[in-house]
């Protein structure tokens, strides 16, 4: 299973949508999806190829291969393709999902 990583391990600035985008260059090689969810919601995150989830604000519990992984603000995780149940915390959740566009294009060929 992928390990939770801290934003401070890869950047000296506060986490933000812009900061996440700056970590993935050139930007045309990546697809970015920003989402905000209300508190105490259960949702499904699906992807047909691997991706990274950055938590900008709030917290969530992700079900990854039957194990619950707790993510808090300024943390991120690399996930494989699949479907993940995500329960948002009591303060809601703001995330950025990043997909490598080059890999997803190659997978379609």
PDB file of N, CA and C in Angstrom:
ATOM      1  N   UNK A   1       0.838  -1.184   0.000  1.00  0.00           N
ATOM      2  CA  UNK A   1       0.000   0.000   0.000  1.00  0.00           C
ATOM      3  C   UNK A   1       0.884   1.249   0.000  1.00  0.00           C
ATOM      4  N   UNK A   2       0.415   2.279  -0.649  1.00  0.00           N
ATOM      5  CA  UNK A   2       1.156   3.536  -0.711  1.00  0.00           C
ATOM      6  C   UNK A   2       1.242   4.188   0.669  1.00  0.00           C
ATOM      7  N   UNK A   3       2.327   4.870   0.869  1.00  0.00           N
ATOM      8  CA  UNK A   3       2.547   5.558   2.139  1.00  0.00           C
ATOM      9  C   UNK A   3       2.046   6.997   2.065  1.00  0.00           C
ATOM     10  N   UNK A   4       1.515   7.465   3.176  1.00  0.00           N
ATOM     11  CA  UNK A   4       1.119   8.868   3.284  1.00  0.00           C
ATOM     12  C   UNK A   4       2.401   9.690   3.362  1.00  0.00           C
ATOM     13  N   UNK A   5       2.406  10.785   2.605  1.00  0.00           N
ATOM     14  CA  UNK A   5       3.554  11.679   2.612  1.00  0.00           C
ATOM     15  C   UNK A   5       3.108  13.068   3.052  1.00  0.00           C
ATOM     16  N   UNK A   6       4.053  13.822   3.566  1.00  0.00           N
ATOM     17  CA  UNK A   6       3.783  15.174   4.035  1.00  0.00           C
ATOM     18  C   UNK A   6       4.211  16.193   2.978  1.00  0.00           C
ATOM     19  N   UNK A   7       3.377  17.200   2.778  1.00  0.00           N
ATOM     20  CA  UNK A   7       3.669  18.271   1.829  1.00  0.00           C
ATOM     21  C   UNK A   7       5.012  18.932   2.169  1.00  0.00           C
ATOM     22  N   UNK A   8       5.312  19.086   3.459  1.00  0.00           N
ATOM     23  CA  UNK A   8       6.551  19.757   3.865  1.00  0.00           C
ATOM     24  C   UNK A   8       7.797  18.984   3.437  1.00  0.00           C
ATOM     25  N   UNK A   9       7.643  17.704   3.076  1.00  0.00           N
ATOM     26  CA  UNK A   9       8.776  16.923   2.582  1.00  0.00           C
ATOM     27  C   UNK A   9       9.173  17.301   1.158  1.00  0.00           C
ATOM     28  N   UNK A  10       8.249  17.923   0.417  1.00  0.00           N
ATOM     29  CA  UNK A  10       8.542  18.248  -0.987  1.00  0.00           C
ATOM     30  C   UNK A  10       8.496  19.743  -1.291  1.00  0.00           C
ATOM     31  N   UNK A  11       8.020  20.558  -0.318  1.00  0.00           N
ATOM     32  CA  UNK A  11       7.901  21.998  -0.582  1.00  0.00           C
ATOM     33  C   UNK A  11       8.088  22.802   0.706  1.00  0.00           C
ATOM     34  N   UNK A  12       8.661  23.993   0.548  1.00  0.00           N
ATOM     35  CA  UNK A  12       8.839  24.909   1.681  1.00  0.00           C
ATOM     36  C   UNK A  12       7.669  25.877   1.821  1.00  0.00           C
ATOM     37  N   UNK A  13       6.730  25.838   0.861  1.00  0.00           N
ATOM     38  CA  UNK A  13       5.587  26.748   0.898  1.00  0.00           C
ATOM     39  C   UNK A  13       4.358  26.026   1.431  1.00  0.00           C
ATOM     40  N   UNK A  14       3.343  26.786   1.809  1.00  0.00           N
ATOM     41  CA  UNK A  14       2.081  26.183   2.252  1.00  0.00           C
ATOM     42  C   UNK A  14       1.405  25.497   1.075  1.00  0.00           C
ATOM     43  N   UNK A  15       0.692  24.428   1.349  1.00  0.00           N
ATOM     44  CA  UNK A  15       0.009  23.693   0.288  1.00  0.00           C
ATOM     45  C   UNK A  15      -1.113  24.540  -0.306  1.00  0.00           C
ATOM     46  N   UNK A  16      -1.237  24.470  -1.616  1.00  0.00           N
ATOM     47  CA  UNK A  16      -2.287  25.197  -2.341  1.00  0.00           C
ATOM     48  C   UNK A  16      -2.461  24.526  -3.700  1.00  0.00           C
ATOM     49  N   UNK A  17      -3.544  24.873  -4.369  1.00  0.00           N
ATOM     50  CA  UNK A  17      -3.776  24.353  -5.717  1.00  0.00           C
ATOM     51  C   UNK A  17      -2.604  24.718  -6.617  1.00  0.00           C
ATOM     52  N   UNK A  18      -2.159  25.966  -6.547  1.00  0.00           N
ATOM     53  CA  UNK A  18      -1.040  26.436  -7.371  1.00  0.00           C
ATOM     54  C   UNK A  18       0.241  25.686  -7.010  1.00  0.00           C
ATOM     55  N   UNK A  19       0.486  25.491  -5.718  1.00  0.00           N
ATOM     56  CA  UNK A  19       1.674  24.779  -5.278  1.00  0.00           C
ATOM     57  C   UNK A  19       1.705  23.344  -5.783  1.00  0.00           C
ATOM     58  N   UNK A  20       0.560  22.670  -5.752  1.00  0.00           N
ATOM     59  CA  UNK A  20       0.476  21.306  -6.262  1.00  0.00           C
ATOM     60  C   UNK A  20       0.807  21.291  -7.743  1.00  0.00           C
ATOM     61  N   UNK A  21       0.234  22.226  -8.485  1.00  0.00           N
ATOM     62  CA  UNK A  21       0.497  22.292  -9.924  1.00  0.00           C
ATOM     63  C   UNK A  21       1.978  22.543 -10.215  1.00  0.00           C
ATOM     64  N   UNK A  22       2.630  23.322  -9.386  1.00  0.00           N
ATOM     65  CA  UNK A  22       4.048  23.606  -9.585  1.00  0.00           C
ATOM     66  C   UNK A  22       4.924  22.385  -9.349  1.00  0.00           C
ATOM     67  N   UNK A  23       4.431  21.411  -8.587  1.00  0.00           N
ATOM     68  CA  UNK A  23       5.173  20.175  -8.347  1.00  0.00           C
ATOM     69  C   UNK A  23       5.145  19.237  -9.552  1.00  0.00           C
ATOM     70  N   UNK A  24       4.217  19.477 -10.458  1.00  0.00           N
ATOM     71  CA  UNK A  24       4.030  18.584 -11.605  1.00  0.00           C
ATOM     72  C   UNK A  24       4.247  19.364 -12.900  1.00  0.00           C
ATOM     73  N   UNK A  25       5.473  19.308 -13.396  1.00  0.00           N
ATOM     74  CA  UNK A  25       5.854  20.038 -14.598  1.00  0.00           C
ATOM     75  C   UNK A  25       6.398  19.085 -15.639  1.00  0.00           C
ATOM     76  N   UNK A  26       6.260  19.358 -16.914  1.00  0.00           N
ATOM     77  CA  UNK A  26       5.438  20.435 -17.471  1.00  0.00           C
ATOM     78  C   UNK A  26       3.951  20.138 -17.280  1.00  0.00           C
ATOM     79  N   UNK A  27       3.182  21.170 -17.035  1.00  0.00           N
ATOM     80  CA  UNK A  27       1.775  21.017 -16.663  1.00  0.00           C
ATOM     81  C   UNK A  27       0.951  20.300 -17.729  1.00  0.00           C
ATOM     82  N   UNK A  28       1.366  20.380 -19.003  1.00  0.00           N
ATOM     83  CA  UNK A  28       0.591  19.698 -20.046  1.00  0.00           C
ATOM     84  C   UNK A  28       0.703  18.170 -19.940  1.00  0.00           C
ATOM     85  N   UNK A  29       1.642  17.681 -19.135  1.00  0.00           N
ATOM     86  CA  UNK A  29       1.785  16.238 -18.942  1.00  0.00           C
ATOM     87  C   UNK A  29       0.888  15.696 -17.827  1.00  0.00           C
ATOM     88  N   UNK A  30       0.121  16.587 -17.186  1.00  0.00           N
ATOM     89  CA  UNK A  30      -0.700  16.191 -16.052  1.00  0.00           C
ATOM     90  C   UNK A  30      -2.112  16.743 -16.173  1.00  0.00           C
ATOM     91  N   UNK A  31      -3.050  16.020 -15.553  1.00  0.00           N
ATOM     92  CA  UNK A  31      -4.426  16.497 -15.445  1.00  0.00           C
ATOM     93  C   UNK A  31      -4.692  16.744 -13.976  1.00  0.00           C
ATOM     94  N   UNK A  32      -5.301  17.896 -13.678  1.00  0.00           N
ATOM     95  CA  UNK A  32      -5.561  18.311 -12.302  1.00  0.00           C
ATOM     96  C   UNK A  32      -7.062  18.457 -12.086  1.00  0.00           C
ATOM     97  N   UNK A  33      -7.549  17.912 -10.979  1.00  0.00           N
ATOM     98  CA  UNK A  33      -8.961  18.025 -10.628  1.00  0.00           C
ATOM     99  C   UNK A  33      -9.055  18.477  -9.178  1.00  0.00           C
ATOM    100  N   UNK A  34      -9.597  19.666  -8.966  1.00  0.00           N
ATOM    101  CA  UNK A  34      -9.795  20.200  -7.623  1.00  0.00           C
ATOM    102  C   UNK A  34     -11.238  19.962  -7.209  1.00  0.00           C
ATOM    103  N   UNK A  35     -11.437  19.456  -5.992  1.00  0.00           N
ATOM    104  CA  UNK A  35     -12.779  19.180  -5.495  1.00  0.00           C
ATOM    105  C   UNK A  35     -12.899  19.619  -4.046  1.00  0.00           C
ATOM    106  N   UNK A  36     -14.076  20.121  -3.698  1.00  0.00           N
ATOM    107  CA  UNK A  36     -14.400  20.470  -2.320  1.00  0.00           C
ATOM    108  C   UNK A  36     -15.661  19.727  -1.934  1.00  0.00           C
ATOM    109  N   UNK A  37     -15.643  19.118  -0.757  1.00  0.00           N
ATOM    110  CA  UNK A  37     -16.772  18.329  -0.281  1.00  0.00           C
ATOM    111  C   UNK A  37     -17.206  18.818   1.096  1.00  0.00           C
ATOM    112  N   UNK A  38     -18.485  18.703   1.377  1.00  0.00           N
ATOM    113  CA  UNK A  38     -19.021  19.098   2.673  1.00  0.00           C
ATOM    114  C   UNK A  38     -18.592  18.106   3.748  1.00  0.00           C
ATOM    115  N   UNK A  39     -18.781  18.499   4.994  1.00  0.00           N
ATOM    116  CA  UNK A  39     -18.425  17.665   6.135  1.00  0.00           C
ATOM    117  C   UNK A  39     -19.285  16.411   6.199  1.00  0.00           C
ATOM    118  N   UNK A  40     -18.684  15.365   6.739  1.00  0.00           N
ATOM    119  CA  UNK A  40     -19.387  14.104   7.036  1.00  0.00           C
ATOM    120  C   UNK A  40     -20.112  13.508   5.832  1.00  0.00           C
ATOM    121  N   UNK A  41     -19.441  13.471   4.697  1.00  0.00           N
ATOM    122  CA  UNK A  41     -19.988  12.887   3.480  1.00  0.00           C
ATOM    123  C   UNK A  41     -19.234  11.599   3.153  1.00  0.00           C
ATOM    124  N   UNK A  42     -19.898  10.698   2.484  1.00  0.00           N
ATOM    125  CA  UNK A  42     -19.243   9.497   1.980  1.00  0.00           C
ATOM    126  C   UNK A  42     -19.317   9.554   0.460  1.00  0.00           C
ATOM    127  N   UNK A  43     -18.190   9.422  -0.190  1.00  0.00           N
ATOM    128  CA  UNK A  43     -18.149   9.522  -1.637  1.00  0.00           C
ATOM    129  C   UNK A  43     -17.199   8.484  -2.191  1.00  0.00           C
ATOM    130  N   UNK A  44     -17.252   8.305  -3.494  1.00  0.00           N
ATOM    131  CA  UNK A  44     -16.377   7.348  -4.163  1.00  0.00           C
ATOM    132  C   UNK A  44     -15.463   8.089  -5.129  1.00  0.00           C
ATOM    133  N   UNK A  45     -14.188   7.788  -5.046  1.00  0.00           N
ATOM    134  CA  UNK A  45     -13.198   8.326  -5.974  1.00  0.00           C
ATOM    135  C   UNK A  45     -12.784   7.170  -6.879  1.00  0.00           C
ATOM    136  N   UNK A  46     -12.977   7.344  -8.189  1.00  0.00           N
ATOM    137  CA  UNK A  46     -12.650   6.290  -9.149  1.00  0.00           C
ATOM    138  C   UNK A  46     -11.618   6.786 -10.151  1.00  0.00           C
ATOM    139  N   UNK A  47     -10.778   5.868 -10.588  1.00  0.00           N
ATOM    140  CA  UNK A  47      -9.798   6.205 -11.614  1.00  0.00           C
ATOM    141  C   UNK A  47      -9.402   4.949 -12.375  1.00  0.00           C
ATOM    142  N   UNK A  48      -9.183   5.106 -13.679  1.00  0.00           N
ATOM    143  CA  UNK A  48      -8.784   3.976 -14.508  1.00  0.00           C
ATOM    144  C   UNK A  48      -7.267   3.836 -14.609  1.00  0.00           C
ATOM    145  N   UNK A  49      -6.534   4.749 -13.951  1.00  0.00           N
ATOM    146  CA  UNK A  49      -5.082   4.656 -13.874  1.00  0.00           C
ATOM    147  C   UNK A  49      -4.612   5.346 -12.597  1.00  0.00           C
ATOM    148  N   UNK A  50      -3.362   5.126 -12.227  1.00  0.00           N
ATOM    149  CA  UNK A  50      -2.835   5.656 -10.981  1.00  0.00           C
ATOM    150  C   UNK A  50      -2.933   7.174 -10.888  1.00  0.00           C
ATOM    151  N   UNK A  51      -3.017   7.669  -9.655  1.00  0.00           N
ATOM    152  CA  UNK A  51      -3.125   9.107  -9.431  1.00  0.00           C
ATOM    153  C   UNK A  51      -2.660   9.450  -8.033  1.00  0.00           C
ATOM    154  N   UNK A  52      -2.467  10.731  -7.789  1.00  0.00           N
ATOM    155  CA  UNK A  52      -2.054  11.227  -6.485  1.00  0.00           C
ATOM    156  C   UNK A  52      -3.149  12.129  -5.939  1.00  0.00           C
ATOM    157  N   UNK A  53      -3.424  12.014  -4.642  1.00  0.00           N
ATOM    158  CA  UNK A  53      -4.426  12.847  -3.968  1.00  0.00           C
ATOM    159  C   UNK A  53      -3.706  13.718  -2.942  1.00  0.00           C
ATOM    160  N   UNK A  54      -3.882  15.038  -3.078  1.00  0.00           N
ATOM    161  CA  UNK A  54      -3.351  16.005  -2.122  1.00  0.00           C
ATOM    162  C   UNK A  54      -4.515  16.568  -1.316  1.00  0.00           C
ATOM    163  N   UNK A  55      -4.379  16.614   0.009  1.00  0.00           N
ATOM    164  CA  UNK A  55      -5.405  17.205   0.862  1.00  0.00           C
ATOM    165  C   UNK A  55      -4.982  18.643   1.168  1.00  0.00           C
ATOM    166  N   UNK A  56      -5.772  19.589   0.657  1.00  0.00           N
ATOM    167  CA  UNK A  56      -5.472  21.004   0.902  1.00  0.00           C
ATOM    168  C   UNK A  56      -5.986  21.435   2.268  1.00  0.00           C
ATOM    169  N   UNK A  57      -7.250  21.123   2.554  1.00  0.00           N
ATOM    170  CA  UNK A  57      -7.853  21.459   3.845  1.00  0.00           C
ATOM    171  C   UNK A  57      -8.760  20.318   4.282  1.00  0.00           C
ATOM    172  N   UNK A  58      -8.961  20.225   5.582  1.00  0.00           N
ATOM    173  CA  UNK A  58      -9.849  19.207   6.118  1.00  0.00           C
ATOM    174  C   UNK A  58      -9.140  17.876   6.282  1.00  0.00           C
ATOM    175  N   UNK A  59      -9.939  16.812   6.307  1.00  0.00           N
ATOM    176  CA  UNK A  59      -9.400  15.472   6.482  1.00  0.00           C
ATOM    177  C   UNK A  59     -10.362  14.461   5.875  1.00  0.00           C
ATOM    178  N   UNK A  60      -9.858  13.245   5.685  1.00  0.00           N
ATOM    179  CA  UNK A  60     -10.710  12.193   5.149  1.00  0.00           C
ATOM    180  C   UNK A  60     -10.157  10.830   5.534  1.00  0.00           C
ATOM    181  N   UNK A  61     -11.017   9.837   5.434  1.00  0.00           N
ATOM    182  CA  UNK A  61     -10.629   8.447   5.636  1.00  0.00           C
ATOM    183  C   UNK A  61     -10.868   7.730   4.320  1.00  0.00           C
ATOM    184  N   UNK A  62      -9.802   7.211   3.725  1.00  0.00           N
ATOM    185  CA  UNK A  62      -9.883   6.480   2.464  1.00  0.00           C
ATOM    186  C   UNK A  62      -9.810   4.989   2.737  1.00  0.00           C
ATOM    187  N   UNK A  63     -10.670   4.226   2.079  1.00  0.00           N
ATOM    188  CA  UNK A  63     -10.596   2.779   2.174  1.00  0.00           C
ATOM    189  C   UNK A  63      -9.722   2.300   1.021  1.00  0.00           C
ATOM    190  N   UNK A  64      -8.517   1.823   1.360  1.00  0.00           N
ATOM    191  CA  UNK A  64      -7.551   1.386   0.364  1.00  0.00           C
ATOM    192  C   UNK A  64      -7.296  -0.105   0.592  1.00  0.00           C
ATOM    193  N   UNK A  65      -7.796  -0.921  -0.323  1.00  0.00           N
ATOM    194  CA  UNK A  65      -7.618  -2.379  -0.233  1.00  0.00           C
ATOM    195  C   UNK A  65      -8.064  -2.931   1.113  1.00  0.00           C
ATOM    196  N   UNK A  66      -9.204  -2.442   1.608  1.00  0.00           N
ATOM    197  CA  UNK A  66      -9.758  -2.938   2.855  1.00  0.00           C
ATOM    198  C   UNK A  66      -9.176  -2.313   4.108  1.00  0.00           C
ATOM    199  N   UNK A  67      -8.190  -1.437   3.960  1.00  0.00           N
ATOM    200  CA  UNK A  67      -7.605  -0.747   5.104  1.00  0.00           C
ATOM    201  C   UNK A  67      -7.987   0.723   5.049  1.00  0.00           C
ATOM    202  N   UNK A  68      -8.279   1.303   6.215  1.00  0.00           N
ATOM    203  CA  UNK A  68      -8.629   2.717   6.278  1.00  0.00           C
ATOM    204  C   UNK A  68      -7.354   3.539   6.453  1.00  0.00           C
ATOM    205  N   UNK A  69      -7.188   4.515   5.577  1.00  0.00           N
ATOM    206  CA  UNK A  69      -6.042   5.411   5.605  1.00  0.00           C
ATOM    207  C   UNK A  69      -6.563   6.815   5.916  1.00  0.00           C
ATOM    208  N   UNK A  70      -6.079   7.399   6.997  1.00  0.00           N
ATOM    209  CA  UNK A  70      -6.493   8.738   7.412  1.00  0.00           C
ATOM    210  C   UNK A  70      -5.557   9.766   6.789  1.00  0.00           C
ATOM    211  N   UNK A  71      -6.130  10.713   6.058  1.00  0.00           N
ATOM    212  CA  UNK A  71      -5.349  11.805   5.458  1.00  0.00           C
ATOM    213  C   UNK A  71      -5.802  13.129   6.046  1.00  0.00           C
ATOM    214  N   UNK A  72      -4.852  13.982   6.369  1.00  0.00           N
ATOM    215  CA  UNK A  72      -5.144  15.301   6.908  1.00  0.00           C
ATOM    216  C   UNK A  72      -4.581  16.363   5.978  1.00  0.00           C
ATOM    217  N   UNK A  73      -4.923  17.611   6.261  1.00  0.00           N
ATOM    218  CA  UNK A  73      -4.421  18.732   5.469  1.00  0.00           C
ATOM    219  C   UNK A  73      -2.903  18.657   5.370  1.00  0.00           C
ATOM    220  N   UNK A  74      -2.403  18.984   4.199  1.00  0.00           N
ATOM    221  CA  UNK A  74      -0.979  19.011   3.881  1.00  0.00           C
ATOM    222  C   UNK A  74      -0.351  17.630   3.821  1.00  0.00           C
ATOM    223  N   UNK A  75      -1.183  16.621   3.478  1.00  0.00           N
ATOM    224  CA  UNK A  75      -0.674  15.280   3.235  1.00  0.00           C
ATOM    225  C   UNK A  75      -1.125  14.829   1.857  1.00  0.00           C
ATOM    226  N   UNK A  76      -0.430  13.819   1.313  1.00  0.00           N
ATOM    227  CA  UNK A  76      -0.839  13.266   0.022  1.00  0.00           C
ATOM    228  C   UNK A  76      -0.469  11.796  -0.040  1.00  0.00           C
ATOM    229  N   UNK A  77      -1.087  11.112  -1.016  1.00  0.00           N
ATOM    230  CA  UNK A  77      -0.857   9.688  -1.200  1.00  0.00           C
ATOM    231  C   UNK A  77      -0.959   9.353  -2.681  1.00  0.00           C
ATOM    232  N   UNK A  78      -0.131   8.420  -3.127  1.00  0.00           N
ATOM    233  CA  UNK A  78      -0.186   7.908  -4.488  1.00  0.00           C
ATOM    234  C   UNK A  78      -1.060   6.666  -4.475  1.00  0.00           C
ATOM    235  N   UNK A  79      -2.061   6.612  -5.349  1.00  0.00           N
ATOM    236  CA  UNK A  79      -2.990   5.481  -5.398  1.00  0.00           C
ATOM    237  C   UNK A  79      -2.971   4.828  -6.771  1.00  0.00           C
ATOM    238  N   UNK A  80      -3.227   3.542  -6.784  1.00  0.00           N
ATOM    239  CA  UNK A  80      -3.344   2.805  -8.039  1.00  0.00           C
ATOM    240  C   UNK A  80      -4.732   3.010  -8.615  1.00  0.00           C
ATOM    241  N   UNK A  81      -4.927   2.567  -9.843  1.00  0.00           N
ATOM    242  CA  UNK A  81      -6.255   2.651 -10.440  1.00  0.00           C
ATOM    243  C   UNK A  81      -7.238   1.849  -9.581  1.00  0.00           C
ATOM    244  N   UNK A  82      -8.497   2.272  -9.611  1.00  0.00           N
ATOM    245  CA  UNK A  82      -9.506   1.570  -8.836  1.00  0.00           C
ATOM    246  C   UNK A  82     -10.557   2.503  -8.301  1.00  0.00           C
ATOM    247  N   UNK A  83     -11.316   1.984  -7.353  1.00  0.00           N
ATOM    248  CA  UNK A  83     -12.405   2.721  -6.733  1.00  0.00           C
ATOM    249  C   UNK A  83     -12.142   2.795  -5.234  1.00  0.00           C
ATOM    250  N   UNK A  84     -12.241   3.989  -4.672  1.00  0.00           N
ATOM    251  CA  UNK A  84     -11.931   4.220  -3.263  1.00  0.00           C
ATOM    252  C   UNK A  84     -13.085   4.935  -2.582  1.00  0.00           C
ATOM    253  N   UNK A  85     -13.506   4.402  -1.432  1.00  0.00           N
ATOM    254  CA  UNK A  85     -14.510   5.081  -0.622  1.00  0.00           C
ATOM    255  C   UNK A  85     -13.787   6.118   0.218  1.00  0.00           C
ATOM    256  N   UNK A  86     -14.338   7.322   0.238  1.00  0.00           N
ATOM    257  CA  UNK A  86     -13.734   8.434   0.969  1.00  0.00           C
ATOM    258  C   UNK A  86     -14.790   9.039   1.882  1.00  0.00           C
ATOM    259  N   UNK A  87     -14.509   9.065   3.176  1.00  0.00           N
ATOM    260  CA  UNK A  87     -15.394   9.699   4.150  1.00  0.00           C
ATOM    261  C   UNK A  87     -14.742  10.987   4.607  1.00  0.00           C
ATOM    262  N   UNK A  88     -15.441  12.105   4.381  1.00  0.00           N
ATOM    263  CA  UNK A  88     -14.882  13.399   4.758  1.00  0.00           C
ATOM    264  C   UNK A  88     -14.991  13.612   6.260  1.00  0.00           C
ATOM    265  N   UNK A  89     -14.114  14.440   6.779  1.00  0.00           N
ATOM    266  CA  UNK A  89     -14.098  14.740   8.202  1.00  0.00           C
ATOM    267  C   UNK A  89     -15.154  15.758   8.584  1.00  0.00           C
ATOM    268  N   UNK A  90     -15.147  16.143   9.854  1.00  0.00           N
ATOM    269  CA  UNK A  90     -16.171  17.043  10.396  1.00  0.00           C
ATOM    270  C   UNK A  90     -16.050  18.472   9.881  1.00  0.00           C
ATOM    271  N   UNK A  91     -14.918  18.829   9.257  1.00  0.00           N
ATOM    272  CA  UNK A  91     -14.759  20.186   8.729  1.00  0.00           C
ATOM    273  C   UNK A  91     -14.802  20.226   7.202  1.00  0.00           C
ATOM    274  N   UNK A  92     -15.142  19.111   6.574  1.00  0.00           N
ATOM    275  CA  UNK A  92     -15.182  19.067   5.119  1.00  0.00           C
ATOM    276  C   UNK A  92     -13.826  18.701   4.556  1.00  0.00           C
ATOM    277  N   UNK A  93     -13.701  18.835   3.246  1.00  0.00           N
ATOM    278  CA  UNK A  93     -12.486  18.384   2.575  1.00  0.00           C
ATOM    279  C   UNK A  93     -12.287  19.146   1.277  1.00  0.00           C
ATOM    280  N   UNK A  94     -11.050  19.543   1.031  1.00  0.00           N
ATOM    281  CA  UNK A  94     -10.655  20.137  -0.242  1.00  0.00           C
ATOM    282  C   UNK A  94      -9.423  19.378  -0.723  1.00  0.00           C
ATOM    283  N   UNK A  95      -9.518  18.791  -1.925  1.00  0.00           N
ATOM    284  CA  UNK A  95      -8.425  17.974  -2.458  1.00  0.00           C
ATOM    285  C   UNK A  95      -8.071  18.381  -3.886  1.00  0.00           C
ATOM    286  N   UNK A  96      -6.887  17.959  -4.308  1.00  0.00           N
ATOM    287  CA  UNK A  96      -6.483  18.041  -5.703  1.00  0.00           C
ATOM    288  C   UNK A  96      -6.032  16.640  -6.097  1.00  0.00           C
ATOM    289  N   UNK A  97      -6.622  16.126  -7.176  1.00  0.00           N
ATOM    290  CA  UNK A  97      -6.204  14.839  -7.730  1.00  0.00           C
ATOM    291  C   UNK A  97      -5.336  15.132  -8.944  1.00  0.00           C
ATOM    292  N   UNK A  98      -4.224  14.423  -9.060  1.00  0.00           N
ATOM    293  CA  UNK A  98      -3.291  14.636 -10.164  1.00  0.00           C
ATOM    294  C   UNK A  98      -3.072  13.323 -10.894  1.00  0.00           C
ATOM    295  N   UNK A  99      -3.310  13.367 -12.201  1.00  0.00           N
ATOM    296  CA  UNK A  99      -3.107  12.213 -13.072  1.00  0.00           C
ATOM    297  C   UNK A  99      -2.004  12.534 -14.059  1.00  0.00           C
ATOM    298  N   UNK A 100      -1.146  11.563 -14.333  1.00  0.00           N
ATOM    299  CA  UNK A 100      -0.115  11.737 -15.335  1.00  0.00           C
ATOM    300  C   UNK A 100      -0.756  11.533 -16.694  1.00  0.00           C
ATOM    301  N   UNK A 101      -0.937  12.616 -17.439  1.00  0.00           N
ATOM    302  CA  UNK A 101      -1.624  12.554 -18.744  1.00  0.00           C
ATOM    303  C   UNK A 101      -0.856  11.707 -19.748  1.00  0.00           C
ATOM    304  N   UNK A 102       0.454  11.717 -19.687  1.00  0.00           N
ATOM    305  CA  UNK A 102       1.257  10.924 -20.620  1.00  0.00           C
ATOM    306  C   UNK A 102       1.002   9.438 -20.414  1.00  0.00           C
ATOM    307  N   UNK A 103       0.912   8.984 -19.152  1.00  0.00           N
ATOM    308  CA  UNK A 103       0.655   7.578 -18.873  1.00  0.00           C
ATOM    309  C   UNK A 103      -0.751   7.183 -19.284  1.00  0.00           C
ATOM    310  N   UNK A 104      -1.740   8.067 -19.050  1.00  0.00           N
ATOM    311  CA  UNK A 104      -3.114   7.718 -19.384  1.00  0.00           C
ATOM    312  C   UNK A 104      -3.304   7.649 -20.905  1.00  0.00           C
ATOM    313  N   UNK A 105      -2.592   8.477 -21.645  1.00  0.00           N
ATOM    314  CA  UNK A 105      -2.667   8.443 -23.102  1.00  0.00           C
ATOM    315  C   UNK A 105      -2.018   7.163 -23.621  1.00  0.00           C
ATOM    316  N   UNK A 106      -0.894   6.771 -23.035  1.00  0.00           N
ATOM    317  CA  UNK A 106      -0.198   5.563 -23.457  1.00  0.00           C
ATOM    318  C   UNK A 106      -1.064   4.328 -23.164  1.00  0.00           C
ATOM    319  N   UNK A 107      -1.799   4.356 -22.067  1.00  0.00           N
ATOM    320  CA  UNK A 107      -2.629   3.216 -21.693  1.00  0.00           C
ATOM    321  C   UNK A 107      -3.784   3.015 -22.672  1.00  0.00           C
ATOM    322  N   UNK A 108      -4.229   4.083 -23.326  1.00  0.00           N
ATOM    323  CA  UNK A 108      -5.344   4.003 -24.267  1.00  0.00           C
ATOM    324  C   UNK A 108      -4.930   3.440 -25.614  1.00  0.00           C
ATOM    325  N   UNK A 109      -3.629   3.482 -25.908  1.00  0.00           N
ATOM    326  CA  UNK A 109      -3.132   3.023 -27.220  1.00  0.00           C
ATOM    327  C   UNK A 109      -3.112   1.525 -27.318  1.00  0.00           C
TER     328      UNK A 109
END
